[in-house]
Amino acid sequence: MARLTVSIDDDLAERLRRAAEALYGSRRRVSRVVEDALRSYLASLEIEENVRYLAVKGGETLAEAKTLSELAAKLRELGVDTRGVRIVRSGSPKSPARGGYRLKPAAE
């Protein structure tokens, strides 16, 4: 297991300790909270890595970029009015989180 030393704001450190206590019953489980948060954050970055944004007008692709701000900059360079352009996101959107009870139908 690797050890990293980071500096964070005192308020954030206290929030981490409270979260560790609420989730795991001990304020000393901060490493677990940070590990879980980093895994989740890095997974979201990997999903977004394959996303592309396209600016389409009249069936023609005018510009393509990895981020919306990058796409907007390219459209400005081309002198294209963004209000007349359709923005398309490649890749599938994140699946929605679902929760709740799974009930079996009543036996007859």
PDB file of N, CA and C in Angstrom:
ATOM      1  N   MET A   1       0.846  -1.172   0.000  1.00  0.00           N
ATOM      2  CA  MET A   1       0.000   0.000   0.000  1.00  0.00           C
ATOM      3  C   MET A   1       0.888   1.229   0.000  1.00  0.00           C
ATOM      4  N   ALA A   2       0.540   2.186  -0.865  1.00  0.00           N
ATOM      5  CA  ALA A   2       1.322   3.415  -0.973  1.00  0.00           C
ATOM      6  C   ALA A   2       0.876   4.436   0.062  1.00  0.00           C
ATOM      7  N   ARG A   3       1.802   5.300   0.428  1.00  0.00           N
ATOM      8  CA  ARG A   3       1.511   6.390   1.357  1.00  0.00           C
ATOM      9  C   ARG A   3       1.745   7.703   0.647  1.00  0.00           C
ATOM     10  N   LEU A   4       0.756   8.586   0.715  1.00  0.00           N
ATOM     11  CA  LEU A   4       0.874   9.912   0.128  1.00  0.00           C
ATOM     12  C   LEU A   4       0.645  10.938   1.227  1.00  0.00           C
ATOM     13  N   THR A   5       1.352  12.033   1.143  1.00  0.00           N
ATOM     14  CA  THR A   5       1.144  13.120   2.091  1.00  0.00           C
ATOM     15  C   THR A   5       0.588  14.299   1.311  1.00  0.00           C
ATOM     16  N   VAL A   6      -0.589  14.768   1.725  1.00  0.00           N
ATOM     17  CA  VAL A   6      -1.216  15.909   1.068  1.00  0.00           C
ATOM     18  C   VAL A   6      -1.606  16.933   2.115  1.00  0.00           C
ATOM     19  N   SER A   7      -1.705  18.165   1.706  1.00  0.00           N
ATOM     20  CA  SER A   7      -2.157  19.234   2.599  1.00  0.00           C
ATOM     21  C   SER A   7      -3.538  19.662   2.155  1.00  0.00           C
ATOM     22  N   ILE A   8      -4.478  19.699   3.110  1.00  0.00           N
ATOM     23  CA  ILE A   8      -5.830  20.140   2.802  1.00  0.00           C
ATOM     24  C   ILE A   8      -6.281  21.147   3.844  1.00  0.00           C
ATOM     25  N   ASP A   9      -7.305  21.882   3.507  1.00  0.00           N
ATOM     26  CA  ASP A   9      -7.891  22.881   4.381  1.00  0.00           C
ATOM     27  C   ASP A   9      -8.400  22.226   5.675  1.00  0.00           C
ATOM     28  N   ASP A  10      -8.297  22.930   6.790  1.00  0.00           N
ATOM     29  CA  ASP A  10      -8.744  22.395   8.086  1.00  0.00           C
ATOM     30  C   ASP A  10     -10.223  22.037   8.077  1.00  0.00           C
ATOM     31  N   ASP A  11     -11.048  22.870   7.431  1.00  0.00           N
ATOM     32  CA  ASP A  11     -12.481  22.586   7.369  1.00  0.00           C
ATOM     33  C   ASP A  11     -12.752  21.295   6.590  1.00  0.00           C
ATOM     34  N   LEU A  12     -12.028  21.104   5.494  1.00  0.00           N
ATOM     35  CA  LEU A  12     -12.197  19.895   4.706  1.00  0.00           C
ATOM     36  C   LEU A  12     -11.751  18.669   5.499  1.00  0.00           C
ATOM     37  N   ALA A  13     -10.677  18.798   6.243  1.00  0.00           N
ATOM     38  CA  ALA A  13     -10.200  17.681   7.065  1.00  0.00           C
ATOM     39  C   ALA A  13     -11.254  17.285   8.095  1.00  0.00           C
ATOM     40  N   GLU A  14     -11.891  18.264   8.699  1.00  0.00           N
ATOM     41  CA  GLU A  14     -12.933  17.974   9.685  1.00  0.00           C
ATOM     42  C   GLU A  14     -14.138  17.313   9.030  1.00  0.00           C
ATOM     43  N   ARG A  15     -14.502  17.786   7.830  1.00  0.00           N
ATOM     44  CA  ARG A  15     -15.610  17.162   7.104  1.00  0.00           C
ATOM     45  C   ARG A  15     -15.292  15.715   6.761  1.00  0.00           C
ATOM     46  N   LEU A  16     -14.035  15.445   6.388  1.00  0.00           N
ATOM     47  CA  LEU A  16     -13.622  14.068   6.098  1.00  0.00           C
ATOM     48  C   LEU A  16     -13.738  13.187   7.337  1.00  0.00           C
ATOM     49  N   ARG A  17     -13.299  13.714   8.470  1.00  0.00           N
ATOM     50  CA  ARG A  17     -13.383  12.937   9.718  1.00  0.00           C
ATOM     51  C   ARG A  17     -14.835  12.633  10.085  1.00  0.00           C
ATOM     52  N   ARG A  18     -15.712  13.632   9.916  1.00  0.00           N
ATOM     53  CA  ARG A  18     -17.134  13.412  10.216  1.00  0.00           C
ATOM     54  C   ARG A  18     -17.729  12.376   9.260  1.00  0.00           C
ATOM     55  N   ALA A  19     -17.353  12.441   7.993  1.00  0.00           N
ATOM     56  CA  ALA A  19     -17.847  11.466   7.019  1.00  0.00           C
ATOM     57  C   ALA A  19     -17.360  10.067   7.367  1.00  0.00           C
ATOM     58  N   ALA A  20     -16.107   9.944   7.765  1.00  0.00           N
ATOM     59  CA  ALA A  20     -15.557   8.641   8.151  1.00  0.00           C
ATOM     60  C   ALA A  20     -16.309   8.073   9.350  1.00  0.00           C
ATOM     61  N   GLU A  21     -16.613   8.935  10.300  1.00  0.00           N
ATOM     62  CA  GLU A  21     -17.352   8.487  11.485  1.00  0.00           C
ATOM     63  C   GLU A  21     -18.770   8.052  11.112  1.00  0.00           C
ATOM     64  N   ALA A  22     -19.415   8.816  10.237  1.00  0.00           N
ATOM     65  CA  ALA A  22     -20.783   8.483   9.837  1.00  0.00           C
ATOM     66  C   ALA A  22     -20.829   7.192   9.013  1.00  0.00           C
ATOM     67  N   LEU A  23     -19.864   6.999   8.119  1.00  0.00           N
ATOM     68  CA  LEU A  23     -19.874   5.841   7.241  1.00  0.00           C
ATOM     69  C   LEU A  23     -19.316   4.573   7.883  1.00  0.00           C
ATOM     70  N   TYR A  24     -18.252   4.737   8.650  1.00  0.00           N
ATOM     71  CA  TYR A  24     -17.528   3.562   9.137  1.00  0.00           C
ATOM     72  C   TYR A  24     -17.446   3.471  10.657  1.00  0.00           C
ATOM     73  N   GLY A  25     -18.062   4.417  11.362  1.00  0.00           N
ATOM     74  CA  GLY A  25     -18.091   4.351  12.828  1.00  0.00           C
ATOM     75  C   GLY A  25     -16.826   4.795  13.512  1.00  0.00           C
ATOM     76  N   SER A  26     -15.864   5.340  12.786  1.00  0.00           N
ATOM     77  CA  SER A  26     -14.612   5.780  13.389  1.00  0.00           C
ATOM     78  C   SER A  26     -14.055   6.968  12.621  1.00  0.00           C
ATOM     79  N   ARG A  27     -13.634   7.992  13.348  1.00  0.00           N
ATOM     80  CA  ARG A  27     -13.033   9.160  12.710  1.00  0.00           C
ATOM     81  C   ARG A  27     -11.651   8.835  12.154  1.00  0.00           C
ATOM     82  N   ARG A  28     -11.113   7.702  12.499  1.00  0.00           N
ATOM     83  CA  ARG A  28      -9.773   7.322  12.049  1.00  0.00           C
ATOM     84  C   ARG A  28      -9.788   6.628  10.690  1.00  0.00           C
ATOM     85  N   ARG A  29     -10.952   6.458  10.078  1.00  0.00           N
ATOM     86  CA  ARG A  29     -11.057   5.772   8.791  1.00  0.00           C
ATOM     87  C   ARG A  29     -11.051   6.752   7.621  1.00  0.00           C
ATOM     88  N   VAL A  30     -10.385   7.879   7.793  1.00  0.00           N
ATOM     89  CA  VAL A  30     -10.320   8.917   6.751  1.00  0.00           C
ATOM     90  C   VAL A  30      -9.713   8.354   5.469  1.00  0.00           C
ATOM     91  N   SER A  31      -8.718   7.515   5.581  1.00  0.00           N
ATOM     92  CA  SER A  31      -8.076   6.945   4.391  1.00  0.00           C
ATOM     93  C   SER A  31      -9.092   6.211   3.524  1.00  0.00           C
ATOM     94  N   ARG A  32      -9.998   5.503   4.162  1.00  0.00           N
ATOM     95  CA  ARG A  32     -11.019   4.753   3.422  1.00  0.00           C
ATOM     96  C   ARG A  32     -11.941   5.714   2.672  1.00  0.00           C
ATOM     97  N   VAL A  33     -12.351   6.798   3.320  1.00  0.00           N
ATOM     98  CA  VAL A  33     -13.227   7.782   2.675  1.00  0.00           C
ATOM     99  C   VAL A  33     -12.516   8.414   1.477  1.00  0.00           C
ATOM    100  N   VAL A  34     -11.261   8.791   1.656  1.00  0.00           N
ATOM    101  CA  VAL A  34     -10.496   9.414   0.574  1.00  0.00           C
ATOM    102  C   VAL A  34     -10.298   8.428  -0.578  1.00  0.00           C
ATOM    103  N   GLU A  35      -9.984   7.181  -0.257  1.00  0.00           N
ATOM    104  CA  GLU A  35      -9.789   6.156  -1.280  1.00  0.00           C
ATOM    105  C   GLU A  35     -11.062   5.961  -2.102  1.00  0.00           C
ATOM    106  N   ASP A  36     -12.208   5.848  -1.417  1.00  0.00           N
ATOM    107  CA  ASP A  36     -13.485   5.672  -2.118  1.00  0.00           C
ATOM    108  C   ASP A  36     -13.788   6.867  -3.015  1.00  0.00           C
ATOM    109  N   ALA A  37     -13.544   8.076  -2.503  1.00  0.00           N
ATOM    110  CA  ALA A  37     -13.814   9.294  -3.275  1.00  0.00           C
ATOM    111  C   ALA A  37     -12.908   9.366  -4.502  1.00  0.00           C
ATOM    112  N   LEU A  38     -11.632   9.050  -4.334  1.00  0.00           N
ATOM    113  CA  LEU A  38     -10.703   9.096  -5.465  1.00  0.00           C
ATOM    114  C   LEU A  38     -11.043   8.052  -6.518  1.00  0.00           C
ATOM    115  N   ARG A  39     -11.428   6.845  -6.090  1.00  0.00           N
ATOM    116  CA  ARG A  39     -11.825   5.808  -7.050  1.00  0.00           C
ATOM    117  C   ARG A  39     -13.010   6.291  -7.891  1.00  0.00           C
ATOM    118  N   SER A  40     -13.997   6.868  -7.218  1.00  0.00           N
ATOM    119  CA  SER A  40     -15.180   7.359  -7.908  1.00  0.00           C
ATOM    120  C   SER A  40     -14.828   8.489  -8.877  1.00  0.00           C
ATOM    121  N   TYR A  41     -14.015   9.432  -8.419  1.00  0.00           N
ATOM    122  CA  TYR A  41     -13.633  10.574  -9.250  1.00  0.00           C
ATOM    123  C   TYR A  41     -12.826  10.121 -10.466  1.00  0.00           C
ATOM    124  N   LEU A  42     -11.852   9.243 -10.258  1.00  0.00           N
ATOM    125  CA  LEU A  42     -11.021   8.779 -11.369  1.00  0.00           C
ATOM    126  C   LEU A  42     -11.831   7.961 -12.365  1.00  0.00           C
ATOM    127  N   ALA A  43     -12.796   7.191 -11.883  1.00  0.00           N
ATOM    128  CA  ALA A  43     -13.666   6.434 -12.787  1.00  0.00           C
ATOM    129  C   ALA A  43     -14.483   7.384 -13.654  1.00  0.00           C
ATOM    130  N   SER A  44     -14.965   8.480 -13.072  1.00  0.00           N
ATOM    131  CA  SER A  44     -15.746   9.441 -13.852  1.00  0.00           C
ATOM    132  C   SER A  44     -14.866  10.121 -14.905  1.00  0.00           C
ATOM    133  N   LEU A  45     -13.596  10.356 -14.592  1.00  0.00           N
ATOM    134  CA  LEU A  45     -12.684  10.940 -15.576  1.00  0.00           C
ATOM    135  C   LEU A  45     -12.453   9.987 -16.736  1.00  0.00           C
ATOM    136  N   GLU A  46     -12.330   8.701 -16.441  1.00  0.00           N
ATOM    137  CA  GLU A  46     -12.096   7.711 -17.493  1.00  0.00           C
ATOM    138  C   GLU A  46     -13.300   7.593 -18.409  1.00  0.00           C
ATOM    139  N   ILE A  47     -14.506   7.714 -17.860  1.00  0.00           N
ATOM    140  CA  ILE A  47     -15.715   7.657 -18.682  1.00  0.00           C
ATOM    141  C   ILE A  47     -15.768   8.862 -19.608  1.00  0.00           C
ATOM    142  N   GLU A  48     -15.468  10.036 -19.057  1.00  0.00           N
ATOM    143  CA  GLU A  48     -15.541  11.268 -19.842  1.00  0.00           C
ATOM    144  C   GLU A  48     -14.415  11.383 -20.861  1.00  0.00           C
ATOM    145  N   GLU A  49     -13.386  10.565 -20.752  1.00  0.00           N
ATOM    146  CA  GLU A  49     -12.247  10.626 -21.651  1.00  0.00           C
ATOM    147  C   GLU A  49     -12.633  10.341 -23.097  1.00  0.00           C
ATOM    148  N   ASN A  50     -13.639   9.482 -23.295  1.00  0.00           N
ATOM    149  CA  ASN A  50     -14.032   9.071 -24.635  1.00  0.00           C
ATOM    150  C   ASN A  50     -15.134   9.931 -25.235  1.00  0.00           C
ATOM    151  N   VAL A  51     -15.569  10.955 -24.541  1.00  0.00           N
ATOM    152  CA  VAL A  51     -16.670  11.796 -25.011  1.00  0.00           C
ATOM    153  C   VAL A  51     -16.165  12.851 -25.983  1.00  0.00           C
ATOM    154  N   ARG A  52     -16.919  13.070 -27.047  1.00  0.00           N
ATOM    155  CA  ARG A  52     -16.631  14.116 -28.018  1.00  0.00           C
ATOM    156  C   ARG A  52     -17.911  14.926 -28.218  1.00  0.00           C
ATOM    157  N   TYR A  53     -17.751  16.207 -28.451  1.00  0.00           N
ATOM    158  CA  TYR A  53     -18.877  17.092 -28.735  1.00  0.00           C
ATOM    159  C   TYR A  53     -18.773  17.560 -30.174  1.00  0.00           C
ATOM    160  N   LEU A  54     -19.889  17.496 -30.891  1.00  0.00           N
ATOM    161  CA  LEU A  54     -19.934  17.894 -32.293  1.00  0.00           C
ATOM    162  C   LEU A  54     -20.902  19.056 -32.459  1.00  0.00           C
ATOM    163  N   ALA A  55     -20.543  20.015 -33.286  1.00  0.00           N
ATOM    164  CA  ALA A  55     -21.441  21.107 -33.662  1.00  0.00           C
ATOM    165  C   ALA A  55     -21.940  20.795 -35.068  1.00  0.00           C
ATOM    166  N   VAL A  56     -23.258  20.613 -35.178  1.00  0.00           N
ATOM    167  CA  VAL A  56     -23.856  20.197 -36.446  1.00  0.00           C
ATOM    168  C   VAL A  56     -24.837  21.257 -36.912  1.00  0.00           C
ATOM    169  N   LYS A  57     -24.767  21.583 -38.202  1.00  0.00           N
ATOM    170  CA  LYS A  57     -25.715  22.533 -38.790  1.00  0.00           C
ATOM    171  C   LYS A  57     -26.073  22.042 -40.188  1.00  0.00           C
ATOM    172  N   GLY A  58     -27.355  21.825 -40.413  1.00  0.00           N
ATOM    173  CA  GLY A  58     -27.808  21.360 -41.727  1.00  0.00           C
ATOM    174  C   GLY A  58     -27.225  20.023 -42.122  1.00  0.00           C
ATOM    175  N   GLY A  59     -27.015  19.129 -41.165  1.00  0.00           N
ATOM    176  CA  GLY A  59     -26.470  17.806 -41.454  1.00  0.00           C
ATOM    177  C   GLY A  59     -24.958  17.775 -41.636  1.00  0.00           C
ATOM    178  N   GLU A  60     -24.319  18.922 -41.538  1.00  0.00           N
ATOM    179  CA  GLU A  60     -22.868  19.012 -41.708  1.00  0.00           C
ATOM    180  C   GLU A  60     -22.198  19.278 -40.360  1.00  0.00           C
ATOM    181  N   THR A  61     -21.134  18.549 -40.052  1.00  0.00           N
ATOM    182  CA  THR A  61     -20.385  18.767 -38.822  1.00  0.00           C
ATOM    183  C   THR A  61     -19.433  19.945 -39.028  1.00  0.00           C
ATOM    184  N   LEU A  62     -19.634  20.984 -38.217  1.00  0.00           N
ATOM    185  CA  LEU A  62     -18.811  22.188 -38.344  1.00  0.00           C
ATOM    186  C   LEU A  62     -17.538  22.123 -37.505  1.00  0.00           C
ATOM    187  N   ALA A  63     -17.654  21.526 -36.319  1.00  0.00           N
ATOM    188  CA  ALA A  63     -16.495  21.455 -35.420  1.00  0.00           C
ATOM    189  C   ALA A  63     -16.670  20.288 -34.465  1.00  0.00           C
ATOM    190  N   GLU A  64     -15.548  19.837 -33.912  1.00  0.00           N
ATOM    191  CA  GLU A  64     -15.536  18.724 -32.963  1.00  0.00           C
ATOM    192  C   GLU A  64     -14.512  19.029 -31.875  1.00  0.00           C
ATOM    193  N   ALA A  65     -14.856  18.688 -30.615  1.00  0.00           N
ATOM    194  CA  ALA A  65     -13.933  18.960 -29.505  1.00  0.00           C
ATOM    195  C   ALA A  65     -14.209  18.019 -28.346  1.00  0.00           C
ATOM    196  N   LYS A  66     -13.255  17.978 -27.402  1.00  0.00           N
ATOM    197  CA  LYS A  66     -13.397  17.136 -26.209  1.00  0.00           C
ATOM    198  C   LYS A  66     -14.262  17.777 -25.137  1.00  0.00           C
ATOM    199  N   THR A  67     -14.320  19.103 -25.096  1.00  0.00           N
ATOM    200  CA  THR A  67     -15.111  19.792 -24.083  1.00  0.00           C
ATOM    201  C   THR A  67     -16.013  20.823 -24.755  1.00  0.00           C
ATOM    202  N   LEU A  68     -17.059  21.214 -24.031  1.00  0.00           N
ATOM    203  CA  LEU A  68     -17.963  22.217 -24.574  1.00  0.00           C
ATOM    204  C   LEU A  68     -17.276  23.567 -24.730  1.00  0.00           C
ATOM    205  N   SER A  69     -16.418  23.927 -23.785  1.00  0.00           N
ATOM    206  CA  SER A  69     -15.729  25.215 -23.891  1.00  0.00           C
ATOM    207  C   SER A  69     -14.765  25.227 -25.085  1.00  0.00           C
ATOM    208  N   GLU A  70     -14.122  24.114 -25.335  1.00  0.00           N
ATOM    209  CA  GLU A  70     -13.230  24.008 -26.497  1.00  0.00           C
ATOM    210  C   GLU A  70     -14.036  24.106 -27.796  1.00  0.00           C
ATOM    211  N   LEU A  71     -15.215  23.493 -27.806  1.00  0.00           N
ATOM    212  CA  LEU A  71     -16.080  23.555 -28.979  1.00  0.00           C
ATOM    213  C   LEU A  71     -16.561  24.981 -29.227  1.00  0.00           C
ATOM    214  N   ALA A  72     -16.939  25.675 -28.158  1.00  0.00           N
ATOM    215  CA  ALA A  72     -17.384  27.068 -28.280  1.00  0.00           C
ATOM    216  C   ALA A  72     -16.269  27.938 -28.851  1.00  0.00           C
ATOM    217  N   ALA A  73     -15.029  27.714 -28.398  1.00  0.00           N
ATOM    218  CA  ALA A  73     -13.891  28.492 -28.904  1.00  0.00           C
ATOM    219  C   ALA A  73     -13.679  28.239 -30.396  1.00  0.00           C
ATOM    220  N   LYS A  74     -13.815  26.982 -30.808  1.00  0.00           N
ATOM    221  CA  LYS A  74     -13.646  26.661 -32.232  1.00  0.00           C
ATOM    222  C   LYS A  74     -14.727  27.318 -33.071  1.00  0.00           C
ATOM    223  N   LEU A  75     -15.955  27.326 -32.558  1.00  0.00           N
ATOM    224  CA  LEU A  75     -17.049  27.951 -33.297  1.00  0.00           C
ATOM    225  C   LEU A  75     -16.857  29.460 -33.400  1.00  0.00           C
ATOM    226  N   ARG A  76     -16.335  30.082 -32.331  1.00  0.00           N
ATOM    227  CA  ARG A  76     -16.034  31.522 -32.377  1.00  0.00           C
ATOM    228  C   ARG A  76     -14.983  31.809 -33.443  1.00  0.00           C
ATOM    229  N   GLU A  77     -13.945  30.962 -33.506  1.00  0.00           N
ATOM    230  CA  GLU A  77     -12.896  31.137 -34.518  1.00  0.00           C
ATOM    231  C   GLU A  77     -13.472  31.053 -35.931  1.00  0.00           C
ATOM    232  N   LEU A  78     -14.452  30.165 -36.105  1.00  0.00           N
ATOM    233  CA  LEU A  78     -15.074  30.000 -37.420  1.00  0.00           C
ATOM    234  C   LEU A  78     -16.109  31.081 -37.713  1.00  0.00           C
ATOM    235  N   GLY A  79     -16.448  31.866 -36.695  1.00  0.00           N
ATOM    236  CA  GLY A  79     -17.446  32.913 -36.865  1.00  0.00           C
ATOM    237  C   GLY A  79     -18.861  32.374 -36.959  1.00  0.00           C
ATOM    238  N   VAL A  80     -19.114  31.244 -36.316  1.00  0.00           N
ATOM    239  CA  VAL A  80     -20.428  30.600 -36.364  1.00  0.00           C
ATOM    240  C   VAL A  80     -21.255  31.026 -35.153  1.00  0.00           C
ATOM    241  N   ASP A  81     -22.506  31.403 -35.388  1.00  0.00           N
ATOM    242  CA  ASP A  81     -23.426  31.758 -34.311  1.00  0.00           C
ATOM    243  C   ASP A  81     -23.892  30.459 -33.646  1.00  0.00           C
ATOM    244  N   THR A  82     -23.605  30.304 -32.373  1.00  0.00           N
ATOM    245  CA  THR A  82     -23.910  29.059 -31.666  1.00  0.00           C
ATOM    246  C   THR A  82     -25.401  28.806 -31.516  1.00  0.00           C
ATOM    247  N   ARG A  83     -26.215  29.841 -31.650  1.00  0.00           N
ATOM    248  CA  ARG A  83     -27.664  29.655 -31.504  1.00  0.00           C
ATOM    249  C   ARG A  83     -28.261  28.887 -32.676  1.00  0.00           C
ATOM    250  N   GLY A  84     -27.579  28.844 -33.789  1.00  0.00           N
ATOM    251  CA  GLY A  84     -28.089  28.134 -34.956  1.00  0.00           C
ATOM    252  C   GLY A  84     -27.450  26.774 -35.154  1.00  0.00           C
ATOM    253  N   VAL A  85     -26.791  26.272 -34.114  1.00  0.00           N
ATOM    254  CA  VAL A  85     -26.045  25.016 -34.234  1.00  0.00           C
ATOM    255  C   VAL A  85     -26.612  23.993 -33.249  1.00  0.00           C
ATOM    256  N   ARG A  86     -26.672  22.761 -33.672  1.00  0.00           N
ATOM    257  CA  ARG A  86     -27.079  21.674 -32.775  1.00  0.00           C
ATOM    258  C   ARG A  86     -25.821  21.027 -32.216  1.00  0.00           C
ATOM    259  N   ILE A  87     -25.757  20.872 -30.879  1.00  0.00           N
ATOM    260  CA  ILE A  87     -24.602  20.242 -30.223  1.00  0.00           C
ATOM    261  C   ILE A  87     -24.960  18.793 -29.931  1.00  0.00           C
ATOM    262  N   VAL A  88     -24.091  17.888 -30.374  1.00  0.00           N
ATOM    263  CA  VAL A  88     -24.310  16.457 -30.195  1.00  0.00           C
ATOM    264  C   VAL A  88     -23.163  15.895 -29.374  1.00  0.00           C
ATOM    265  N   ARG A  89     -23.505  15.076 -28.398  1.00  0.00           N
ATOM    266  CA  ARG A  89     -22.508  14.439 -27.536  1.00  0.00           C
ATOM    267  C   ARG A  89     -22.346  13.002 -27.990  1.00  0.00           C
ATOM    268  N   SER A  90     -21.119  12.594 -28.276  1.00  0.00           N
ATOM    269  CA  SER A  90     -20.872  11.203 -28.662  1.00  0.00           C
ATOM    270  C   SER A  90     -20.762  10.346 -27.408  1.00  0.00           C
ATOM    271  N   GLY A  91     -20.897   9.079 -27.571  1.00  0.00           N
ATOM    272  CA  GLY A  91     -20.817   8.189 -26.423  1.00  0.00           C
ATOM    273  C   GLY A  91     -22.140   8.164 -25.688  1.00  0.00           C
ATOM    274  N   SER A  92     -22.327   7.141 -24.918  1.00  0.00           N
ATOM    275  CA  SER A  92     -23.589   7.020 -24.200  1.00  0.00           C
ATOM    276  C   SER A  92     -23.523   7.808 -22.897  1.00  0.00           C
ATOM    277  N   PRO A  93     -24.625   8.413 -22.506  1.00  0.00           N
ATOM    278  CA  PRO A  93     -24.632   9.132 -21.228  1.00  0.00           C
ATOM    279  C   PRO A  93     -24.515   8.162 -20.071  1.00  0.00           C
ATOM    280  N   LYS A  94     -24.131   8.686 -18.924  1.00  0.00           N
ATOM    281  CA  LYS A  94     -24.019   7.850 -17.735  1.00  0.00           C
ATOM    282  C   LYS A  94     -25.380   7.273 -17.397  1.00  0.00           C
ATOM    283  N   SER A  95     -25.386   6.023 -16.987  1.00  0.00           N
ATOM    284  CA  SER A  95     -26.659   5.413 -16.628  1.00  0.00           C
ATOM    285  C   SER A  95     -27.147   6.010 -15.312  1.00  0.00           C
ATOM    286  N   PRO A  96     -28.458   6.190 -15.197  1.00  0.00           N
ATOM    287  CA  PRO A  96     -28.982   6.781 -13.965  1.00  0.00           C
ATOM    288  C   PRO A  96     -28.844   5.821 -12.799  1.00  0.00           C
ATOM    289  N   ALA A  97     -28.640   6.373 -11.632  1.00  0.00           N
ATOM    290  CA  ALA A  97     -28.565   5.541 -10.436  1.00  0.00           C
ATOM    291  C   ALA A  97     -29.981   5.162 -10.037  1.00  0.00           C
ATOM    292  N   ARG A  98     -30.160   3.938  -9.661  1.00  0.00           N
ATOM    293  CA  ARG A  98     -31.475   3.483  -9.240  1.00  0.00           C
ATOM    294  C   ARG A  98     -31.358   2.896  -7.848  1.00  0.00           C
ATOM    295  N   GLY A  99     -32.337   3.168  -7.062  1.00  0.00           N
ATOM    296  CA  GLY A  99     -32.344   2.624  -5.712  1.00  0.00           C
ATOM    297  C   GLY A  99     -33.751   2.250  -5.324  1.00  0.00           C
ATOM    298  N   GLY A 100     -33.860   1.584  -4.213  1.00  0.00           N
ATOM    299  CA  GLY A 100     -35.192   1.218  -3.725  1.00  0.00           C
ATOM    300  C   GLY A 100     -35.296  -0.278  -3.526  1.00  0.00           C
ATOM    301  N   TYR A 101     -36.454  -0.675  -3.079  1.00  0.00           N
ATOM    302  CA  TYR A 101     -36.707  -2.085  -2.812  1.00  0.00           C
ATOM    303  C   TYR A 101     -37.113  -2.815  -4.075  1.00  0.00           C
ATOM    304  N   ARG A 102     -36.708  -4.043  -4.199  1.00  0.00           N
ATOM    305  CA  ARG A 102     -37.140  -4.902  -5.283  1.00  0.00           C
ATOM    306  C   ARG A 102     -38.184  -5.844  -4.678  1.00  0.00           C
ATOM    307  N   LEU A 103     -39.405  -5.741  -5.135  1.00  0.00           N
ATOM    308  CA  LEU A 103     -40.469  -6.554  -4.571  1.00  0.00           C
ATOM    309  C   LEU A 103     -40.839  -7.670  -5.529  1.00  0.00           C
ATOM    310  N   LYS A 104     -41.091  -8.835  -4.960  1.00  0.00           N
ATOM    311  CA  LYS A 104     -41.548  -9.959  -5.768  1.00  0.00           C
ATOM    312  C   LYS A 104     -43.073  -9.910  -5.821  1.00  0.00           C
ATOM    313  N   PRO A 105     -43.641 -10.353  -6.916  1.00  0.00           N
ATOM    314  CA  PRO A 105     -45.104 -10.375  -6.990  1.00  0.00           C
ATOM    315  C   PRO A 105     -45.662 -11.337  -5.937  1.00  0.00           C
ATOM    316  N   ALA A 106     -46.825 -11.033  -5.451  1.00  0.00           N
ATOM    317  CA  ALA A 106     -47.462 -11.880  -4.431  1.00  0.00           C
ATOM    318  C   ALA A 106     -47.820 -13.219  -5.031  1.00  0.00           C
ATOM    319  N   ALA A 107     -47.629 -14.282  -4.289  1.00  0.00           N
ATOM    320  CA  ALA A 107     -47.980 -15.622  -4.751  1.00  0.00           C
ATOM    321  C   ALA A 107     -49.489 -15.788  -4.714  1.00  0.00           C
ATOM    322  N   GLU A 108     -50.009 -16.465  -5.714  1.00  0.00           N
ATOM    323  CA  GLU A 108     -51.476 -16.662  -5.775  1.00  0.00           C
ATOM    324  C   GLU A 108     -51.897 -17.885  -5.064  1.00  0.00           C
TER     325      GLU A 108
END
